[in-house]
Amino acid sequence: MRTDSSYIHLSSNLVTASFQPVIYPLPMSIETILAEIDAEIERLNQVRSLLAGSRALSTPGVRSKTSKGPGKSKKKRVLSADARKRIADAQRKRWAAQRAKAK
C-alpha cells in the first residue's frame, strides 16, 4: 500500500476479508470522473440489452411490454345493447337478493 499523500486509500471495515482496496489518485478531474461514469453506464446498458435479449429468447411465450411483434392486433369485443341489458338486469337481480337477505 502506498503511503504518500498523493493517493487516497478507500476501504471499509464492514466488508469481508476478501475485499480488495481501491487506490485512486487525488488529483482526479471532474472530467475524468464523468468519463469513467459514462463508460460504466455504457457497459451496464450493454449488459442490460444482452440480458433483455436472452430473456426474450429463453421465454418464447412471454413478450416484453415494448415489443408488439408481427401479427394481428385483437379486435375490441363489443356487446350488443340487448346483451348489456340482460347482464345489467341479472346484476340488479343479484343486488336485490343481497339486500333482501341483509334485512
PDB file of N, CA and C in Angstrom:
ATOM      1  N   MET A   1       0.848  -1.178   0.000  1.00  0.00           N
ATOM      2  CA  MET A   1       0.000   0.000   0.000  1.00  0.00           C
ATOM      3  C   MET A   1       0.891   1.237   0.000  1.00  0.00           C
ATOM      4  N   ARG A   2       0.506   2.229  -0.802  1.00  0.00           N
ATOM      5  CA  ARG A   2       1.278   3.470  -0.867  1.00  0.00           C
ATOM      6  C   ARG A   2       0.936   4.352   0.332  1.00  0.00           C
ATOM      7  N   THR A   3       1.913   5.050   0.793  1.00  0.00           N
ATOM      8  CA  THR A   3       1.669   5.902   1.956  1.00  0.00           C
ATOM      9  C   THR A   3       1.849   7.374   1.660  1.00  0.00           C
ATOM     10  N   ASP A   4       2.252   7.730   0.422  1.00  0.00           N
ATOM     11  CA  ASP A   4       2.427   9.154   0.159  1.00  0.00           C
ATOM     12  C   ASP A   4       1.083   9.862   0.066  1.00  0.00           C
ATOM     13  N   SER A   5       1.090  11.164   0.156  1.00  0.00           N
ATOM     14  CA  SER A   5      -0.146  11.924   0.259  1.00  0.00           C
ATOM     15  C   SER A   5      -0.852  12.134  -1.078  1.00  0.00           C
ATOM     16  N   SER A   6      -0.294  11.663  -2.189  1.00  0.00           N
ATOM     17  CA  SER A   6      -0.946  11.870  -3.478  1.00  0.00           C
ATOM     18  C   SER A   6      -1.971  10.787  -3.799  1.00  0.00           C
ATOM     19  N   TYR A   7      -2.180   9.834  -2.918  1.00  0.00           N
ATOM     20  CA  TYR A   7      -3.145   8.773  -3.152  1.00  0.00           C
ATOM     21  C   TYR A   7      -4.101   8.661  -1.974  1.00  0.00           C
ATOM     22  N   ILE A   8      -5.327   8.281  -2.278  1.00  0.00           N
ATOM     23  CA  ILE A   8      -6.332   8.052  -1.239  1.00  0.00           C
ATOM     24  C   ILE A   8      -6.591   6.562  -1.182  1.00  0.00           C
ATOM     25  N   HIS A   9      -6.672   6.013  -0.020  1.00  0.00           N
ATOM     26  CA  HIS A   9      -6.970   4.598   0.161  1.00  0.00           C
ATOM     27  C   HIS A   9      -8.423   4.491   0.623  1.00  0.00           C
ATOM     28  N   LEU A  10      -9.270   3.893  -0.211  1.00  0.00           N
ATOM     29  CA  LEU A  10     -10.680   3.745   0.135  1.00  0.00           C
ATOM     30  C   LEU A  10     -10.923   2.320   0.601  1.00  0.00           C
ATOM     31  N   SER A  11     -11.439   2.160   1.783  1.00  0.00           N
ATOM     32  CA  SER A  11     -11.795   0.840   2.282  1.00  0.00           C
ATOM     33  C   SER A  11     -12.854   0.988   3.348  1.00  0.00           C
ATOM     34  N   SER A  12     -13.390  -0.144   3.765  1.00  0.00           N
ATOM     35  CA  SER A  12     -14.409  -0.136   4.800  1.00  0.00           C
ATOM     36  C   SER A  12     -14.124  -1.263   5.765  1.00  0.00           C
ATOM     37  N   ASN A  13     -14.352  -1.042   7.029  1.00  0.00           N
ATOM     38  CA  ASN A  13     -14.141  -2.109   7.991  1.00  0.00           C
ATOM     39  C   ASN A  13     -15.369  -3.006   8.088  1.00  0.00           C
ATOM     40  N   LEU A  14     -16.408  -2.744   7.302  1.00  0.00           N
ATOM     41  CA  LEU A  14     -17.615  -3.558   7.321  1.00  0.00           C
ATOM     42  C   LEU A  14     -17.604  -4.661   6.267  1.00  0.00           C
ATOM     43  N   VAL A  15     -16.601  -4.696   5.410  1.00  0.00           N
ATOM     44  CA  VAL A  15     -16.560  -5.682   4.341  1.00  0.00           C
ATOM     45  C   VAL A  15     -15.764  -6.888   4.769  1.00  0.00           C
ATOM     46  N   THR A  16     -15.877  -7.951   3.983  1.00  0.00           N
ATOM     47  CA  THR A  16     -15.192  -9.195   4.325  1.00  0.00           C
ATOM     48  C   THR A  16     -13.703  -9.070   4.057  1.00  0.00           C
ATOM     49  N   ALA A  17     -12.971 -10.068   4.463  1.00  0.00           N
ATOM     50  CA  ALA A  17     -11.518 -10.061   4.305  1.00  0.00           C
ATOM     51  C   ALA A  17     -11.101 -10.151   2.846  1.00  0.00           C
ATOM     52  N   SER A  18     -11.987 -10.592   1.948  1.00  0.00           N
ATOM     53  CA  SER A  18     -11.625 -10.729   0.545  1.00  0.00           C
ATOM     54  C   SER A  18     -11.720  -9.413  -0.216  1.00  0.00           C
ATOM     55  N   PHE A  19     -12.096  -8.349   0.451  1.00  0.00           N
ATOM     56  CA  PHE A  19     -12.219  -7.040  -0.193  1.00  0.00           C
ATOM     57  C   PHE A  19     -10.852  -6.538  -0.635  1.00  0.00           C
ATOM     58  N   GLN A  20     -10.766  -6.127  -1.880  1.00  0.00           N
ATOM     59  CA  GLN A  20      -9.533  -5.565  -2.406  1.00  0.00           C
ATOM     60  C   GLN A  20      -9.662  -4.047  -2.391  1.00  0.00           C
ATOM     61  N   PRO A  21      -8.821  -3.349  -1.647  1.00  0.00           N
ATOM     62  CA  PRO A  21      -8.929  -1.889  -1.604  1.00  0.00           C
ATOM     63  C   PRO A  21      -8.612  -1.284  -2.957  1.00  0.00           C
ATOM     64  N   VAL A  22      -9.251  -0.173  -3.241  1.00  0.00           N
ATOM     65  CA  VAL A  22      -9.046   0.548  -4.487  1.00  0.00           C
ATOM     66  C   VAL A  22      -8.285   1.817  -4.157  1.00  0.00           C
ATOM     67  N   ILE A  23      -7.251   2.083  -4.921  1.00  0.00           N
ATOM     68  CA  ILE A  23      -6.442   3.275  -4.685  1.00  0.00           C
ATOM     69  C   ILE A  23      -6.650   4.223  -5.855  1.00  0.00           C
ATOM     70  N   TYR A  24      -7.135   5.416  -5.553  1.00  0.00           N
ATOM     71  CA  TYR A  24      -7.363   6.435  -6.570  1.00  0.00           C
ATOM     72  C   TYR A  24      -6.382   7.585  -6.359  1.00  0.00           C
ATOM     73  N   PRO A  25      -5.840   8.111  -7.427  1.00  0.00           N
ATOM     74  CA  PRO A  25      -5.007   9.296  -7.268  1.00  0.00           C
ATOM     75  C   PRO A  25      -5.878  10.484  -6.866  1.00  0.00           C
ATOM     76  N   LEU A  26      -5.376  11.357  -6.019  1.00  0.00           N
ATOM     77  CA  LEU A  26      -6.133  12.511  -5.553  1.00  0.00           C
ATOM     78  C   LEU A  26      -6.500  13.485  -6.667  1.00  0.00           C
ATOM     79  N   PRO A  27      -5.580  13.859  -7.530  1.00  0.00           N
ATOM     80  CA  PRO A  27      -5.916  14.915  -8.479  1.00  0.00           C
ATOM     81  C   PRO A  27      -6.763  14.439  -9.658  1.00  0.00           C
ATOM     82  N   MET A  28      -7.868  13.714  -9.406  1.00  0.00           N
ATOM     83  CA  MET A  28      -8.777  13.315 -10.482  1.00  0.00           C
ATOM     84  C   MET A  28      -9.639  14.515 -10.838  1.00  0.00           C
ATOM     85  N   SER A  29      -9.679  14.845 -12.098  1.00  0.00           N
ATOM     86  CA  SER A  29     -10.506  15.974 -12.513  1.00  0.00           C
ATOM     87  C   SER A  29     -11.958  15.529 -12.644  1.00  0.00           C
ATOM     88  N   ILE A  30     -12.838  16.478 -12.621  1.00  0.00           N
ATOM     89  CA  ILE A  30     -14.264  16.181 -12.766  1.00  0.00           C
ATOM     90  C   ILE A  30     -14.521  15.539 -14.121  1.00  0.00           C
ATOM     91  N   GLU A  31     -13.809  15.979 -15.144  1.00  0.00           N
ATOM     92  CA  GLU A  31     -13.988  15.403 -16.478  1.00  0.00           C
ATOM     93  C   GLU A  31     -13.613  13.927 -16.494  1.00  0.00           C
ATOM     94  N   THR A  32     -12.542  13.570 -15.785  1.00  0.00           N
ATOM     95  CA  THR A  32     -12.121  12.169 -15.708  1.00  0.00           C
ATOM     96  C   THR A  32     -13.175  11.340 -14.993  1.00  0.00           C
ATOM     97  N   ILE A  33     -13.694  11.867 -13.905  1.00  0.00           N
ATOM     98  CA  ILE A  33     -14.735  11.152 -13.148  1.00  0.00           C
ATOM     99  C   ILE A  33     -15.970  10.964 -14.010  1.00  0.00           C
ATOM    100  N   LEU A  34     -16.394  12.021 -14.703  1.00  0.00           N
ATOM    101  CA  LEU A  34     -17.574  11.921 -15.559  1.00  0.00           C
ATOM    102  C   LEU A  34     -17.346  10.934 -16.696  1.00  0.00           C
ATOM    103  N   ALA A  35     -16.143  10.916 -17.263  1.00  0.00           N
ATOM    104  CA  ALA A  35     -15.837   9.974 -18.335  1.00  0.00           C
ATOM    105  C   ALA A  35     -15.911   8.536 -17.836  1.00  0.00           C
ATOM    106  N   GLU A  36     -15.401   8.288 -16.618  1.00  0.00           N
ATOM    107  CA  GLU A  36     -15.479   6.945 -16.051  1.00  0.00           C
ATOM    108  C   GLU A  36     -16.925   6.551 -15.764  1.00  0.00           C
ATOM    109  N   ILE A  37     -17.711   7.477 -15.270  1.00  0.00           N
ATOM    110  CA  ILE A  37     -19.132   7.192 -15.019  1.00  0.00           C
ATOM    111  C   ILE A  37     -19.841   6.881 -16.325  1.00  0.00           C
ATOM    112  N   ASP A  38     -19.586   7.673 -17.374  1.00  0.00           N
ATOM    113  CA  ASP A  38     -20.208   7.418 -18.675  1.00  0.00           C
ATOM    114  C   ASP A  38     -19.808   6.060 -19.228  1.00  0.00           C
ATOM    115  N   ALA A  39     -18.538   5.684 -19.067  1.00  0.00           N
ATOM    116  CA  ALA A  39     -18.083   4.369 -19.535  1.00  0.00           C
ATOM    117  C   ALA A  39     -18.793   3.253 -18.784  1.00  0.00           C
ATOM    118  N   GLU A  40     -18.973   3.427 -17.484  1.00  0.00           N
ATOM    119  CA  GLU A  40     -19.668   2.404 -16.689  1.00  0.00           C
ATOM    120  C   GLU A  40     -21.138   2.315 -17.075  1.00  0.00           C
ATOM    121  N   ILE A  41     -21.772   3.447 -17.316  1.00  0.00           N
ATOM    122  CA  ILE A  41     -23.175   3.443 -17.745  1.00  0.00           C
ATOM    123  C   ILE A  41     -23.310   2.721 -19.077  1.00  0.00           C
ATOM    124  N   GLU A  42     -22.402   2.981 -20.004  1.00  0.00           N
ATOM    125  CA  GLU A  42     -22.438   2.304 -21.298  1.00  0.00           C
ATOM    126  C   GLU A  42     -22.273   0.803 -21.143  1.00  0.00           C
ATOM    127  N   ARG A  43     -21.346   0.399 -20.278  1.00  0.00           N
ATOM    128  CA  ARG A  43     -21.137  -1.030 -20.038  1.00  0.00           C
ATOM    129  C   ARG A  43     -22.395  -1.665 -19.448  1.00  0.00           C
ATOM    130  N   LEU A  44     -23.024  -0.998 -18.495  1.00  0.00           N
ATOM    131  CA  LEU A  44     -24.251  -1.516 -17.888  1.00  0.00           C
ATOM    132  C   LEU A  44     -25.391  -1.588 -18.902  1.00  0.00           C
ATOM    133  N   ASN A  45     -25.486  -0.603 -19.794  1.00  0.00           N
ATOM    134  CA  ASN A  45     -26.516  -0.638 -20.833  1.00  0.00           C
ATOM    135  C   ASN A  45     -26.310  -1.821 -21.768  1.00  0.00           C
ATOM    136  N   GLN A  46     -25.053  -2.121 -22.103  1.00  0.00           N
ATOM    137  CA  GLN A  46     -24.776  -3.273 -22.957  1.00  0.00           C
ATOM    138  C   GLN A  46     -25.172  -4.571 -22.266  1.00  0.00           C
ATOM    139  N   VAL A  47     -24.837  -4.685 -20.989  1.00  0.00           N
ATOM    140  CA  VAL A  47     -25.195  -5.884 -20.235  1.00  0.00           C
ATOM    141  C   VAL A  47     -26.712  -6.019 -20.145  1.00  0.00           C
ATOM    142  N   ARG A  48     -27.392  -4.903 -19.912  1.00  0.00           N
ATOM    143  CA  ARG A  48     -28.858  -4.929 -19.816  1.00  0.00           C
ATOM    144  C   ARG A  48     -29.492  -5.378 -21.119  1.00  0.00           C
ATOM    145  N   SER A  49     -28.984  -4.858 -22.237  1.00  0.00           N
ATOM    146  CA  SER A  49     -29.560  -5.250 -23.524  1.00  0.00           C
ATOM    147  C   SER A  49     -29.294  -6.719 -23.817  1.00  0.00           C
ATOM    148  N   LEU A  50     -28.128  -7.224 -23.423  1.00  0.00           N
ATOM    149  CA  LEU A  50     -27.851  -8.649 -23.601  1.00  0.00           C
ATOM    150  C   LEU A  50     -28.791  -9.496 -22.763  1.00  0.00           C
ATOM    151  N   LEU A  51     -28.999  -9.084 -21.512  1.00  0.00           N
ATOM    152  CA  LEU A  51     -29.909  -9.839 -20.641  1.00  0.00           C
ATOM    153  C   LEU A  51     -31.344  -9.775 -21.150  1.00  0.00           C
ATOM    154  N   ALA A  52     -31.771  -8.615 -21.605  1.00  0.00           N
ATOM    155  CA  ALA A  52     -33.133  -8.478 -22.124  1.00  0.00           C
ATOM    156  C   ALA A  52     -33.311  -9.335 -23.370  1.00  0.00           C
ATOM    157  N   GLY A  53     -32.294  -9.394 -24.217  1.00  0.00           N
ATOM    158  CA  GLY A  53     -32.364 -10.224 -25.417  1.00  0.00           C
ATOM    159  C   GLY A  53     -32.394 -11.696 -25.083  1.00  0.00           C
ATOM    160  N   SER A  54     -31.612 -12.119 -24.101  1.00  0.00           N
ATOM    161  CA  SER A  54     -31.593 -13.534 -23.730  1.00  0.00           C
ATOM    162  C   SER A  54     -32.890 -13.930 -23.041  1.00  0.00           C
ATOM    163  N   ARG A  55     -33.499 -12.996 -22.307  1.00  0.00           N
ATOM    164  CA  ARG A  55     -34.778 -13.292 -21.658  1.00  0.00           C
ATOM    165  C   ARG A  55     -35.859 -13.505 -22.705  1.00  0.00           C
ATOM    166  N   ALA A  56     -35.838 -12.680 -23.750  1.00  0.00           N
ATOM    167  CA  ALA A  56     -36.831 -12.822 -24.811  1.00  0.00           C
ATOM    168  C   ALA A  56     -36.654 -14.139 -25.547  1.00  0.00           C
ATOM    169  N   LEU A  57     -35.406 -14.591 -25.698  1.00  0.00           N
ATOM    170  CA  LEU A  57     -35.155 -15.849 -26.383  1.00  0.00           C
ATOM    171  C   LEU A  57     -35.482 -17.043 -25.502  1.00  0.00           C
ATOM    172  N   SER A  58     -35.261 -16.924 -24.187  1.00  0.00           N
ATOM    173  CA  SER A  58     -35.453 -18.063 -23.300  1.00  0.00           C
ATOM    174  C   SER A  58     -36.906 -18.289 -22.918  1.00  0.00           C
ATOM    175  N   THR A  59     -37.758 -17.280 -23.023  1.00  0.00           N
ATOM    176  CA  THR A  59     -39.169 -17.438 -22.684  1.00  0.00           C
ATOM    177  C   THR A  59     -40.019 -17.091 -23.899  1.00  0.00           C
ATOM    178  N   PRO A  60     -40.260 -18.057 -24.769  1.00  0.00           N
ATOM    179  CA  PRO A  60     -40.951 -17.755 -26.020  1.00  0.00           C
ATOM    180  C   PRO A  60     -42.399 -17.327 -25.844  1.00  0.00           C
ATOM    181  N   GLY A  61     -43.067 -17.733 -24.777  1.00  0.00           N
ATOM    182  CA  GLY A  61     -44.466 -17.381 -24.594  1.00  0.00           C
ATOM    183  C   GLY A  61     -44.679 -16.006 -23.999  1.00  0.00           C
ATOM    184  N   VAL A  62     -43.627 -15.375 -23.526  1.00  0.00           N
ATOM    185  CA  VAL A  62     -43.742 -14.083 -22.852  1.00  0.00           C
ATOM    186  C   VAL A  62     -43.100 -13.020 -23.720  1.00  0.00           C
ATOM    187  N   ARG A  63     -43.844 -11.952 -23.985  1.00  0.00           N
ATOM    188  CA  ARG A  63     -43.311 -10.841 -24.764  1.00  0.00           C
ATOM    189  C   ARG A  63     -43.038  -9.669 -23.856  1.00  0.00           C
ATOM    190  N   SER A  64     -42.074  -8.864 -24.214  1.00  0.00           N
ATOM    191  CA  SER A  64     -41.799  -7.670 -23.423  1.00  0.00           C
ATOM    192  C   SER A  64     -42.905  -6.649 -23.652  1.00  0.00           C
ATOM    193  N   LYS A  65     -42.997  -5.673 -22.776  1.00  0.00           N
ATOM    194  CA  LYS A  65     -44.054  -4.673 -22.853  1.00  0.00           C
ATOM    195  C   LYS A  65     -43.928  -3.792 -24.088  1.00  0.00           C
ATOM    196  N   THR A  66     -42.692  -3.551 -24.520  1.00  0.00           N
ATOM    197  CA  THR A  66     -42.492  -2.607 -25.607  1.00  0.00           C
ATOM    198  C   THR A  66     -42.623  -3.230 -26.985  1.00  0.00           C
ATOM    199  N   SER A  67     -42.383  -4.528 -27.106  1.00  0.00           N
ATOM    200  CA  SER A  67     -42.409  -5.124 -28.438  1.00  0.00           C
ATOM    201  C   SER A  67     -43.793  -5.677 -28.752  1.00  0.00           C
ATOM    202  N   LYS A  68     -44.345  -5.251 -29.859  1.00  0.00           N
ATOM    203  CA  LYS A  68     -45.641  -5.749 -30.290  1.00  0.00           C
ATOM    204  C   LYS A  68     -45.471  -6.994 -31.148  1.00  0.00           C
ATOM    205  N   GLY A  69     -44.407  -7.023 -31.928  1.00  0.00           N
ATOM    206  CA  GLY A  69     -44.142  -8.174 -32.769  1.00  0.00           C
ATOM    207  C   GLY A  69     -45.091  -8.235 -33.947  1.00  0.00           C
ATOM    208  N   PRO A  70     -44.815  -9.131 -34.864  1.00  0.00           N
ATOM    209  CA  PRO A  70     -45.685  -9.265 -36.026  1.00  0.00           C
ATOM    210  C   PRO A  70     -46.990  -9.949 -35.656  1.00  0.00           C
ATOM    211  N   GLY A  71     -48.004  -9.703 -36.426  1.00  0.00           N
ATOM    212  CA  GLY A  71     -49.284 -10.355 -36.185  1.00  0.00           C
ATOM    213  C   GLY A  71     -50.407  -9.342 -36.086  1.00  0.00           C
ATOM    214  N   LYS A  72     -51.608  -9.883 -36.045  1.00  0.00           N
ATOM    215  CA  LYS A  72     -52.795  -9.030 -35.963  1.00  0.00           C
ATOM    216  C   LYS A  72     -53.036  -8.595 -34.526  1.00  0.00           C
ATOM    217  N   SER A  73     -53.550  -7.407 -34.369  1.00  0.00           N
ATOM    218  CA  SER A  73     -53.983  -6.991 -33.049  1.00  0.00           C
ATOM    219  C   SER A  73     -55.425  -7.460 -32.880  1.00  0.00           C
ATOM    220  N   LYS A  74     -55.782  -7.772 -31.646  1.00  0.00           N
ATOM    221  CA  LYS A  74     -57.125  -8.285 -31.406  1.00  0.00           C
ATOM    222  C   LYS A  74     -58.151  -7.175 -31.555  1.00  0.00           C
ATOM    223  N   LYS A  75     -59.294  -7.531 -32.134  1.00  0.00           N
ATOM    224  CA  LYS A  75     -60.376  -6.568 -32.258  1.00  0.00           C
ATOM    225  C   LYS A  75     -61.027  -6.373 -30.899  1.00  0.00           C
ATOM    226  N   LYS A  76     -61.483  -5.176 -30.662  1.00  0.00           N
ATOM    227  CA  LYS A  76     -62.193  -4.879 -29.431  1.00  0.00           C
ATOM    228  C   LYS A  76     -63.530  -5.612 -29.466  1.00  0.00           C
ATOM    229  N   ARG A  77     -63.831  -6.284 -28.375  1.00  0.00           N
ATOM    230  CA  ARG A  77     -65.083  -7.040 -28.320  1.00  0.00           C
ATOM    231  C   ARG A  77     -66.212  -6.103 -27.910  1.00  0.00           C
ATOM    232  N   VAL A  78     -67.291  -6.157 -28.640  1.00  0.00           N
ATOM    233  CA  VAL A  78     -68.412  -5.252 -28.429  1.00  0.00           C
ATOM    234  C   VAL A  78     -69.652  -6.082 -28.097  1.00  0.00           C
ATOM    235  N   LEU A  79     -70.363  -5.666 -27.050  1.00  0.00           N
ATOM    236  CA  LEU A  79     -71.622  -6.320 -26.690  1.00  0.00           C
ATOM    237  C   LEU A  79     -72.775  -5.566 -27.341  1.00  0.00           C
ATOM    238  N   SER A  80     -73.774  -6.320 -27.713  1.00  0.00           N
ATOM    239  CA  SER A  80     -74.964  -5.666 -28.258  1.00  0.00           C
ATOM    240  C   SER A  80     -75.730  -5.004 -27.113  1.00  0.00           C
ATOM    241  N   ALA A  81     -76.620  -4.113 -27.457  1.00  0.00           N
ATOM    242  CA  ALA A  81     -77.424  -3.412 -26.447  1.00  0.00           C
ATOM    243  C   ALA A  81     -78.270  -4.417 -25.671  1.00  0.00           C
ATOM    244  N   ASP A  82     -78.808  -5.424 -26.368  1.00  0.00           N
ATOM    245  CA  ASP A  82     -79.631  -6.447 -25.721  1.00  0.00           C
ATOM    246  C   ASP A  82     -78.797  -7.244 -24.706  1.00  0.00           C
ATOM    247  N   ALA A  83     -77.582  -7.597 -25.059  1.00  0.00           N
ATOM    248  CA  ALA A  83     -76.722  -8.360 -24.147  1.00  0.00           C
ATOM    249  C   ALA A  83     -76.370  -7.525 -22.917  1.00  0.00           C
ATOM    250  N   ARG A  84     -76.053  -6.231 -23.127  1.00  0.00           N
ATOM    251  CA  ARG A  84     -75.768  -5.358 -21.981  1.00  0.00           C
ATOM    252  C   ARG A  84     -76.970  -5.255 -21.058  1.00  0.00           C
ATOM    253  N   LYS A  85     -78.182  -5.176 -21.633  1.00  0.00           N
ATOM    254  CA  LYS A  85     -79.396  -5.082 -20.834  1.00  0.00           C
ATOM    255  C   LYS A  85     -79.603  -6.355 -20.010  1.00  0.00           C
ATOM    256  N   ARG A  86     -79.369  -7.515 -20.611  1.00  0.00           N
ATOM    257  CA  ARG A  86     -79.524  -8.776 -19.876  1.00  0.00           C
ATOM    258  C   ARG A  86     -78.519  -8.876 -18.724  1.00  0.00           C
ATOM    259  N   ILE A  87     -77.281  -8.457 -18.965  1.00  0.00           N
ATOM    260  CA  ILE A  87     -76.267  -8.505 -17.916  1.00  0.00           C
ATOM    261  C   ILE A  87     -76.627  -7.540 -16.789  1.00  0.00           C
ATOM    262  N   ALA A  88     -77.074  -6.332 -17.131  1.00  0.00           N
ATOM    263  CA  ALA A  88     -77.459  -5.344 -16.121  1.00  0.00           C
ATOM    264  C   ALA A  88     -78.650  -5.842 -15.300  1.00  0.00           C
ATOM    265  N   ASP A  89     -79.633  -6.430 -15.971  1.00  0.00           N
ATOM    266  CA  ASP A  89     -80.797  -6.956 -15.249  1.00  0.00           C
ATOM    267  C   ASP A  89     -80.389  -8.079 -14.298  1.00  0.00           C
ATOM    268  N   ALA A  90     -79.503  -8.944 -14.732  1.00  0.00           N
ATOM    269  CA  ALA A  90     -79.049 -10.045 -13.877  1.00  0.00           C
ATOM    270  C   ALA A  90     -78.295  -9.498 -12.661  1.00  0.00           C
ATOM    271  N   GLN A  91     -77.475  -8.469 -12.859  1.00  0.00           N
ATOM    272  CA  GLN A  91     -76.747  -7.883 -11.733  1.00  0.00           C
ATOM    273  C   GLN A  91     -77.709  -7.205 -10.767  1.00  0.00           C
ATOM    274  N   ARG A  92     -78.692  -6.496 -11.280  1.00  0.00           N
ATOM    275  CA  ARG A  92     -79.689  -5.867 -10.396  1.00  0.00           C
ATOM    276  C   ARG A  92     -80.431  -6.922  -9.584  1.00  0.00           C
ATOM    277  N   LYS A  93     -80.725  -8.063 -10.206  1.00  0.00           N
ATOM    278  CA  LYS A  93     -81.410  -9.158  -9.509  1.00  0.00           C
ATOM    279  C   LYS A  93     -80.519  -9.685  -8.377  1.00  0.00           C
ATOM    280  N   ARG A  94     -79.198  -9.831  -8.629  1.00  0.00           N
ATOM    281  CA  ARG A  94     -78.282 -10.287  -7.573  1.00  0.00           C
ATOM    282  C   ARG A  94     -78.199  -9.274  -6.438  1.00  0.00           C
ATOM    283  N   TRP A  95     -78.155  -7.972  -6.790  1.00  0.00           N
ATOM    284  CA  TRP A  95     -78.105  -6.938  -5.754  1.00  0.00           C
ATOM    285  C   TRP A  95     -79.384  -6.952  -4.916  1.00  0.00           C
ATOM    286  N   ALA A  96     -80.528  -7.130  -5.565  1.00  0.00           N
ATOM    287  CA  ALA A  96     -81.812  -7.164  -4.832  1.00  0.00           C
ATOM    288  C   ALA A  96     -81.839  -8.359  -3.886  1.00  0.00           C
ATOM    289  N   ALA A  97     -81.304  -9.501  -4.334  1.00  0.00           N
ATOM    290  CA  ALA A  97     -81.286 -10.685  -3.473  1.00  0.00           C
ATOM    291  C   ALA A  97     -80.391 -10.440  -2.262  1.00  0.00           C
ATOM    292  N   GLN A  98     -79.262  -9.768  -2.440  1.00  0.00           N
ATOM    293  CA  GLN A  98     -78.378  -9.471  -1.318  1.00  0.00           C
ATOM    294  C   GLN A  98     -79.030  -8.499  -0.348  1.00  0.00           C
ATOM    295  N   ARG A  99     -79.745  -7.473  -0.869  1.00  0.00           N
ATOM    296  CA  ARG A  99     -80.411  -6.531   0.007  1.00  0.00           C
ATOM    297  C   ARG A  99     -81.519  -7.211   0.800  1.00  0.00           C
ATOM    298  N   ALA A 100     -82.259  -8.105   0.144  1.00  0.00           N
ATOM    299  CA  ALA A 100     -83.343  -8.810   0.839  1.00  0.00           C
ATOM    300  C   ALA A 100     -82.772  -9.737   1.915  1.00  0.00           C
ATOM    301  N   LYS A 101     -81.662 -10.362   1.614  1.00  0.00           N
ATOM    302  CA  LYS A 101     -81.032 -11.276   2.564  1.00  0.00           C
ATOM    303  C   LYS A 101     -80.472 -10.502   3.773  1.00  0.00           C
ATOM    304  N   ALA A 102     -79.990  -9.276   3.548  1.00  0.00           N
ATOM    305  CA  ALA A 102     -79.423  -8.470   4.622  1.00  0.00           C
ATOM    306  C   ALA A 102     -80.488  -7.975   5.596  1.00  0.00           C
ATOM    307  N   LYS A 103     -81.741  -7.839   5.184  1.00  0.00           N
ATOM    308  CA  LYS A 103     -82.809  -7.327   6.054  1.00  0.00           C
ATOM    309  C   LYS A 103     -83.310  -8.358   7.005  1.00  0.00           C
TER     310      LYS A 103
END
